[in-house]
């Protein structure tokens, strides 16, 4: 989660990759977790929010504790 400290630049292909949805039928069973779902769950477990991620010093301190 250290790399989440880097502020994401507003690049079109990055946004497209993060919001891409595959067309077609799904396989049986539970869908795989996306990066966003895993990151949100990890942040909730450590009581982190977006403001913490914008302050690199605070972010590094909090993820070492978590």
PDB file of N, CA and C in Angstrom:
ATOM      1  N   UNK A   1       0.814  -1.188   0.000  1.00  0.00           N
ATOM      2  CA  UNK A   1       0.000   0.000   0.000  1.00  0.00           C
ATOM      3  C   UNK A   1       0.863   1.259   0.000  1.00  0.00           C
ATOM      4  N   UNK A   2       2.186   1.123   0.045  1.00  0.00           N
ATOM      5  CA  UNK A   2       3.060   2.284   0.043  1.00  0.00           C
ATOM      6  C   UNK A   2       2.898   3.075  -1.241  1.00  0.00           C
ATOM      7  N   UNK A   3       2.747   2.403  -2.375  1.00  0.00           N
ATOM      8  CA  UNK A   3       2.663   3.085  -3.653  1.00  0.00           C
ATOM      9  C   UNK A   3       1.379   3.878  -3.817  1.00  0.00           C
ATOM     10  N   UNK A   4       0.374   3.656  -2.971  1.00  0.00           N
ATOM     11  CA  UNK A   4      -0.871   4.415  -3.056  1.00  0.00           C
ATOM     12  C   UNK A   4      -0.644   5.868  -2.662  1.00  0.00           C
ATOM     13  N   UNK A   5       0.500   6.163  -2.080  1.00  0.00           N
ATOM     14  CA  UNK A   5       0.827   7.525  -1.681  1.00  0.00           C
ATOM     15  C   UNK A   5       1.046   8.412  -2.896  1.00  0.00           C
ATOM     16  N   UNK A   6       1.439   7.830  -4.012  1.00  0.00           N
ATOM     17  CA  UNK A   6       1.696   8.610  -5.214  1.00  0.00           C
ATOM     18  C   UNK A   6       0.374   9.130  -5.756  1.00  0.00           C
ATOM     19  N   UNK A   7       0.320  10.409  -6.024  1.00  0.00           N
ATOM     20  CA  UNK A   7      -0.908  11.014  -6.531  1.00  0.00           C
ATOM     21  C   UNK A   7      -1.091  10.605  -7.986  1.00  0.00           C
ATOM     22  N   UNK A   8      -2.255  10.040  -8.283  1.00  0.00           N
ATOM     23  CA  UNK A   8      -2.542   9.560  -9.631  1.00  0.00           C
ATOM     24  C   UNK A   8      -2.731  10.742 -10.575  1.00  0.00           C
ATOM     25  N   UNK A   9      -1.978  10.735 -11.652  1.00  0.00           N
ATOM     26  CA  UNK A   9      -2.139  11.780 -12.656  1.00  0.00           C
ATOM     27  C   UNK A   9      -3.417  11.525 -13.433  1.00  0.00           C
ATOM     28  N   UNK A  10      -3.967  12.574 -13.997  1.00  0.00           N
ATOM     29  CA  UNK A  10      -5.216  12.462 -14.731  1.00  0.00           C
ATOM     30  C   UNK A  10      -4.928  12.016 -16.161  1.00  0.00           C
ATOM     31  N   UNK A  11      -4.666  10.708 -16.331  1.00  0.00           N
ATOM     32  CA  UNK A  11      -4.352  10.133 -17.632  1.00  0.00           C
ATOM     33  C   UNK A  11      -5.534   9.272 -18.067  1.00  0.00           C
ATOM     34  N   UNK A  12      -5.952   9.445 -19.315  1.00  0.00           N
ATOM     35  CA  UNK A  12      -7.140   8.746 -19.806  1.00  0.00           C
ATOM     36  C   UNK A  12      -7.014   7.235 -19.737  1.00  0.00           C
ATOM     37  N   UNK A  13      -5.873   6.653 -20.122  1.00  0.00           N
ATOM     38  CA  UNK A  13      -5.761   5.196 -20.155  1.00  0.00           C
ATOM     39  C   UNK A  13      -5.800   4.594 -18.764  1.00  0.00           C
ATOM     40  N   UNK A  14      -5.343   5.340 -17.749  1.00  0.00           N
ATOM     41  CA  UNK A  14      -5.405   4.842 -16.382  1.00  0.00           C
ATOM     42  C   UNK A  14      -6.862   4.733 -15.952  1.00  0.00           C
ATOM     43  N   UNK A  15      -7.628   5.772 -16.241  1.00  0.00           N
ATOM     44  CA  UNK A  15      -9.052   5.773 -15.883  1.00  0.00           C
ATOM     45  C   UNK A  15      -9.778   4.635 -16.613  1.00  0.00           C
ATOM     46  N   UNK A  16      -9.452   4.451 -17.888  1.00  0.00           N
ATOM     47  CA  UNK A  16     -10.093   3.378 -18.646  1.00  0.00           C
ATOM     48  C   UNK A  16      -9.773   2.008 -18.058  1.00  0.00           C
ATOM     49  N   UNK A  17      -8.539   1.785 -17.655  1.00  0.00           N
ATOM     50  CA  UNK A  17      -8.141   0.498 -17.071  1.00  0.00           C
ATOM     51  C   UNK A  17      -8.847   0.241 -15.744  1.00  0.00           C
ATOM     52  N   UNK A  18      -9.001   1.289 -14.941  1.00  0.00           N
ATOM     53  CA  UNK A  18      -9.628   1.110 -13.633  1.00  0.00           C
ATOM     54  C   UNK A  18     -11.128   0.861 -13.750  1.00  0.00           C
ATOM     55  N   UNK A  19     -11.746   1.344 -14.821  1.00  0.00           N
ATOM     56  CA  UNK A  19     -13.198   1.212 -14.968  1.00  0.00           C
ATOM     57  C   UNK A  19     -13.592   0.196 -16.044  1.00  0.00           C
ATOM     58  N   UNK A  20     -12.636  -0.551 -16.580  1.00  0.00           N
ATOM     59  CA  UNK A  20     -12.888  -1.499 -17.658  1.00  0.00           C
ATOM     60  C   UNK A  20     -13.755  -2.658 -17.189  1.00  0.00           C
ATOM     61  N   UNK A  21     -14.770  -2.996 -17.975  1.00  0.00           N
ATOM     62  CA  UNK A  21     -15.621  -4.135 -17.677  1.00  0.00           C
ATOM     63  C   UNK A  21     -15.599  -5.085 -18.869  1.00  0.00           C
ATOM     64  N   UNK A  22     -15.355  -6.339 -18.611  1.00  0.00           N
ATOM     65  CA  UNK A  22     -15.266  -7.347 -19.668  1.00  0.00           C
ATOM     66  C   UNK A  22     -16.665  -7.771 -20.072  1.00  0.00           C
ATOM     67  N   UNK A  23     -16.879  -7.841 -21.385  1.00  0.00           N
ATOM     68  CA  UNK A  23     -18.176  -8.292 -21.880  1.00  0.00           C
ATOM     69  C   UNK A  23     -18.187  -9.814 -21.985  1.00  0.00           C
ATOM     70  N   UNK A  24     -19.370 -10.395 -21.939  1.00  0.00           N
ATOM     71  CA  UNK A  24     -19.491 -11.843 -22.082  1.00  0.00           C
ATOM     72  C   UNK A  24     -20.035 -12.473 -20.816  1.00  0.00           C
ATOM     73  N   UNK A  25     -20.157 -13.782 -20.848  1.00  0.00           N
ATOM     74  CA  UNK A  25     -20.716 -14.487 -19.694  1.00  0.00           C
ATOM     75  C   UNK A  25     -19.649 -14.696 -18.625  1.00  0.00           C
ATOM     76  N   UNK A  26     -20.102 -14.759 -17.400  1.00  0.00           N
ATOM     77  CA  UNK A  26     -19.197 -14.966 -16.265  1.00  0.00           C
ATOM     78  C   UNK A  26     -19.071 -16.460 -15.970  1.00  0.00           C
ATOM     79  N   UNK A  27     -17.929 -16.861 -15.466  1.00  0.00           N
ATOM     80  CA  UNK A  27     -17.803 -18.258 -15.030  1.00  0.00           C
ATOM     81  C   UNK A  27     -18.604 -18.484 -13.743  1.00  0.00           C
ATOM     82  N   UNK A  28     -18.803 -19.723 -13.392  1.00  0.00           N
ATOM     83  CA  UNK A  28     -19.534 -20.047 -12.172  1.00  0.00           C
ATOM     84  C   UNK A  28     -18.750 -19.626 -10.946  1.00  0.00           C
ATOM     85  N   UNK A  29     -19.453 -19.375  -9.860  1.00  0.00           N
ATOM     86  CA  UNK A  29     -18.804 -19.055  -8.595  1.00  0.00           C
ATOM     87  C   UNK A  29     -18.726 -17.559  -8.321  1.00  0.00           C
ATOM     88  N   UNK A  30     -18.035 -17.241  -7.235  1.00  0.00           N
ATOM     89  CA  UNK A  30     -17.895 -15.852  -6.810  1.00  0.00           C
ATOM     90  C   UNK A  30     -16.968 -15.107  -7.769  1.00  0.00           C
ATOM     91  N   UNK A  31     -17.338 -13.874  -8.155  1.00  0.00           N
ATOM     92  CA  UNK A  31     -16.448 -13.092  -9.014  1.00  0.00           C
ATOM     93  C   UNK A  31     -15.141 -12.756  -8.293  1.00  0.00           C
ATOM     94  N   UNK A  32     -14.065 -12.622  -9.037  1.00  0.00           N
ATOM     95  CA  UNK A  32     -12.782 -12.249  -8.454  1.00  0.00           C
ATOM     96  C   UNK A  32     -12.865 -10.825  -7.927  1.00  0.00           C
ATOM     97  N   UNK A  33     -12.122 -10.561  -6.878  1.00  0.00           N
ATOM     98  CA  UNK A  33     -12.095  -9.217  -6.319  1.00  0.00           C
ATOM     99  C   UNK A  33     -11.259  -8.302  -7.202  1.00  0.00           C
ATOM    100  N   UNK A  34     -11.698  -7.069  -7.318  1.00  0.00           N
ATOM    101  CA  UNK A  34     -10.936  -6.088  -8.081  1.00  0.00           C
ATOM    102  C   UNK A  34      -9.910  -5.421  -7.168  1.00  0.00           C
ATOM    103  N   UNK A  35      -8.940  -4.742  -7.774  1.00  0.00           N
ATOM    104  CA  UNK A  35      -7.922  -4.025  -6.987  1.00  0.00           C
ATOM    105  C   UNK A  35      -8.590  -3.000  -6.079  1.00  0.00           C
ATOM    106  N   UNK A  36      -9.591  -2.308  -6.611  1.00  0.00           N
ATOM    107  CA  UNK A  36     -10.286  -1.265  -5.841  1.00  0.00           C
ATOM    108  C   UNK A  36     -10.973  -1.853  -4.607  1.00  0.00           C
ATOM    109  N   UNK A  37     -11.633  -3.004  -4.752  1.00  0.00           N
ATOM    110  CA  UNK A  37     -12.317  -3.639  -3.623  1.00  0.00           C
ATOM    111  C   UNK A  37     -11.326  -4.055  -2.539  1.00  0.00           C
ATOM    112  N   UNK A  38     -10.203  -4.620  -2.942  1.00  0.00           N
ATOM    113  CA  UNK A  38      -9.184  -5.051  -1.984  1.00  0.00           C
ATOM    114  C   UNK A  38      -8.579  -3.844  -1.273  1.00  0.00           C
ATOM    115  N   UNK A  39      -8.280  -2.786  -2.027  1.00  0.00           N
ATOM    116  CA  UNK A  39      -7.692  -1.577  -1.435  1.00  0.00           C
ATOM    117  C   UNK A  39      -8.661  -0.927  -0.450  1.00  0.00           C
ATOM    118  N   UNK A  40      -9.947  -0.859  -0.799  1.00  0.00           N
ATOM    119  CA  UNK A  40     -10.939  -0.276   0.112  1.00  0.00           C
ATOM    120  C   UNK A  40     -11.062  -1.095   1.391  1.00  0.00           C
ATOM    121  N   UNK A  41     -11.066  -2.404   1.268  1.00  0.00           N
ATOM    122  CA  UNK A  41     -11.164  -3.268   2.446  1.00  0.00           C
ATOM    123  C   UNK A  41      -9.944  -3.098   3.351  1.00  0.00           C
ATOM    124  N   UNK A  42      -8.742  -3.035   2.750  1.00  0.00           N
ATOM    125  CA  UNK A  42      -7.520  -2.832   3.526  1.00  0.00           C
ATOM    126  C   UNK A  42      -7.532  -1.483   4.241  1.00  0.00           C
ATOM    127  N   UNK A  43      -7.989  -0.450   3.551  1.00  0.00           N
ATOM    128  CA  UNK A  43      -8.045   0.885   4.161  1.00  0.00           C
ATOM    129  C   UNK A  43      -9.055   0.930   5.305  1.00  0.00           C
ATOM    130  N   UNK A  44     -10.182   0.264   5.140  1.00  0.00           N
ATOM    131  CA  UNK A  44     -11.177   0.214   6.213  1.00  0.00           C
ATOM    132  C   UNK A  44     -10.623  -0.530   7.419  1.00  0.00           C
ATOM    133  N   UNK A  45      -9.877  -1.594   7.190  1.00  0.00           N
ATOM    134  CA  UNK A  45      -9.308  -2.376   8.290  1.00  0.00           C
ATOM    135  C   UNK A  45      -8.298  -1.554   9.087  1.00  0.00           C
ATOM    136  N   UNK A  46      -7.586  -0.643   8.418  1.00  0.00           N
ATOM    137  CA  UNK A  46      -6.572   0.192   9.083  1.00  0.00           C
ATOM    138  C   UNK A  46      -7.094   1.578   9.434  1.00  0.00           C
ATOM    139  N   UNK A  47      -8.387   1.830   9.218  1.00  0.00           N
ATOM    140  CA  UNK A  47      -9.006   3.137   9.474  1.00  0.00           C
ATOM    141  C   UNK A  47      -8.304   4.260   8.715  1.00  0.00           C
ATOM    142  N   UNK A  48      -8.056   4.035   7.418  1.00  0.00           N
ATOM    143  CA  UNK A  48      -7.414   5.027   6.559  1.00  0.00           C
ATOM    144  C   UNK A  48      -8.454   5.641   5.632  1.00  0.00           C
ATOM    145  N   UNK A  49      -8.213   6.880   5.208  1.00  0.00           N
ATOM    146  CA  UNK A  49      -9.093   7.530   4.250  1.00  0.00           C
ATOM    147  C   UNK A  49      -8.267   8.265   3.205  1.00  0.00           C
ATOM    148  N   UNK A  50      -8.931   8.932   2.268  1.00  0.00           N
ATOM    149  CA  UNK A  50      -8.225   9.611   1.170  1.00  0.00           C
ATOM    150  C   UNK A  50      -7.321  10.727   1.661  1.00  0.00           C
ATOM    151  N   UNK A  51      -7.735  11.443   2.688  1.00  0.00           N
ATOM    152  CA  UNK A  51      -6.912  12.526   3.217  1.00  0.00           C
ATOM    153  C   UNK A  51      -5.590  11.992   3.769  1.00  0.00           C
ATOM    154  N   UNK A  52      -5.625  10.812   4.373  1.00  0.00           N
ATOM    155  CA  UNK A  52      -4.395  10.190   4.874  1.00  0.00           C
ATOM    156  C   UNK A  52      -3.459   9.857   3.713  1.00  0.00           C
ATOM    157  N   UNK A  53      -4.016   9.407   2.587  1.00  0.00           N
ATOM    158  CA  UNK A  53      -3.201   9.028   1.436  1.00  0.00           C
ATOM    159  C   UNK A  53      -2.536  10.238   0.784  1.00  0.00           C
ATOM    160  N   UNK A  54      -3.131  11.405   0.904  1.00  0.00           N
ATOM    161  CA  UNK A  54      -2.564  12.605   0.300  1.00  0.00           C
ATOM    162  C   UNK A  54      -1.375  13.145   1.091  1.00  0.00           C
ATOM    163  N   UNK A  55      -1.258  12.776   2.356  1.00  0.00           N
ATOM    164  CA  UNK A  55      -0.130  13.210   3.189  1.00  0.00           C
ATOM    165  C   UNK A  55       0.837  12.034   3.301  1.00  0.00           C
ATOM    166  N   UNK A  56       1.911  12.056   2.486  1.00  0.00           N
ATOM    167  CA  UNK A  56       2.824  10.903   2.394  1.00  0.00           C
ATOM    168  C   UNK A  56       3.440  10.517   3.739  1.00  0.00           C
ATOM    169  N   UNK A  57       3.830  11.504   4.536  1.00  0.00           N
ATOM    170  CA  UNK A  57       4.436  11.196   5.829  1.00  0.00           C
ATOM    171  C   UNK A  57       3.467  10.481   6.750  1.00  0.00           C
ATOM    172  N   UNK A  58       2.246  10.986   6.808  1.00  0.00           N
ATOM    173  CA  UNK A  58       1.216  10.358   7.649  1.00  0.00           C
ATOM    174  C   UNK A  58       0.875   8.960   7.124  1.00  0.00           C
ATOM    175  N   UNK A  59       0.771   8.827   5.786  1.00  0.00           N
ATOM    176  CA  UNK A  59       0.433   7.542   5.174  1.00  0.00           C
ATOM    177  C   UNK A  59       1.463   6.478   5.539  1.00  0.00           C
ATOM    178  N   UNK A  60       2.757   6.818   5.396  1.00  0.00           N
ATOM    179  CA  UNK A  60       3.817   5.862   5.703  1.00  0.00           C
ATOM    180  C   UNK A  60       3.769   5.447   7.171  1.00  0.00           C
ATOM    181  N   UNK A  61       3.493   6.407   8.035  1.00  0.00           N
ATOM    182  CA  UNK A  61       3.410   6.111   9.469  1.00  0.00           C
ATOM    183  C   UNK A  61       2.235   5.181   9.773  1.00  0.00           C
ATOM    184  N   UNK A  62       1.078   5.447   9.157  1.00  0.00           N
ATOM    185  CA  UNK A  62      -0.115   4.655   9.424  1.00  0.00           C
ATOM    186  C   UNK A  62      -0.030   3.247   8.852  1.00  0.00           C
ATOM    187  N   UNK A  63       0.592   3.075   7.682  1.00  0.00           N
ATOM    188  CA  UNK A  63       0.653   1.716   7.123  1.00  0.00           C
ATOM    189  C   UNK A  63       1.673   0.856   7.851  1.00  0.00           C
ATOM    190  N   UNK A  64       2.660   1.446   8.476  1.00  0.00           N
ATOM    191  CA  UNK A  64       3.590   0.659   9.281  1.00  0.00           C
ATOM    192  C   UNK A  64       2.919   0.134  10.534  1.00  0.00           C
ATOM    193  N   UNK A  65       1.992   0.922  11.075  1.00  0.00           N
ATOM    194  CA  UNK A  65       1.244   0.499  12.269  1.00  0.00           C
ATOM    195  C   UNK A  65       0.271  -0.606  11.906  1.00  0.00           C
ATOM    196  N   UNK A  66      -0.428  -0.451  10.767  1.00  0.00           N
ATOM    197  CA  UNK A  66      -1.460  -1.395  10.322  1.00  0.00           C
ATOM    198  C   UNK A  66      -0.864  -2.672   9.903  1.00  0.00           C
TER     199      UNK A  66
END
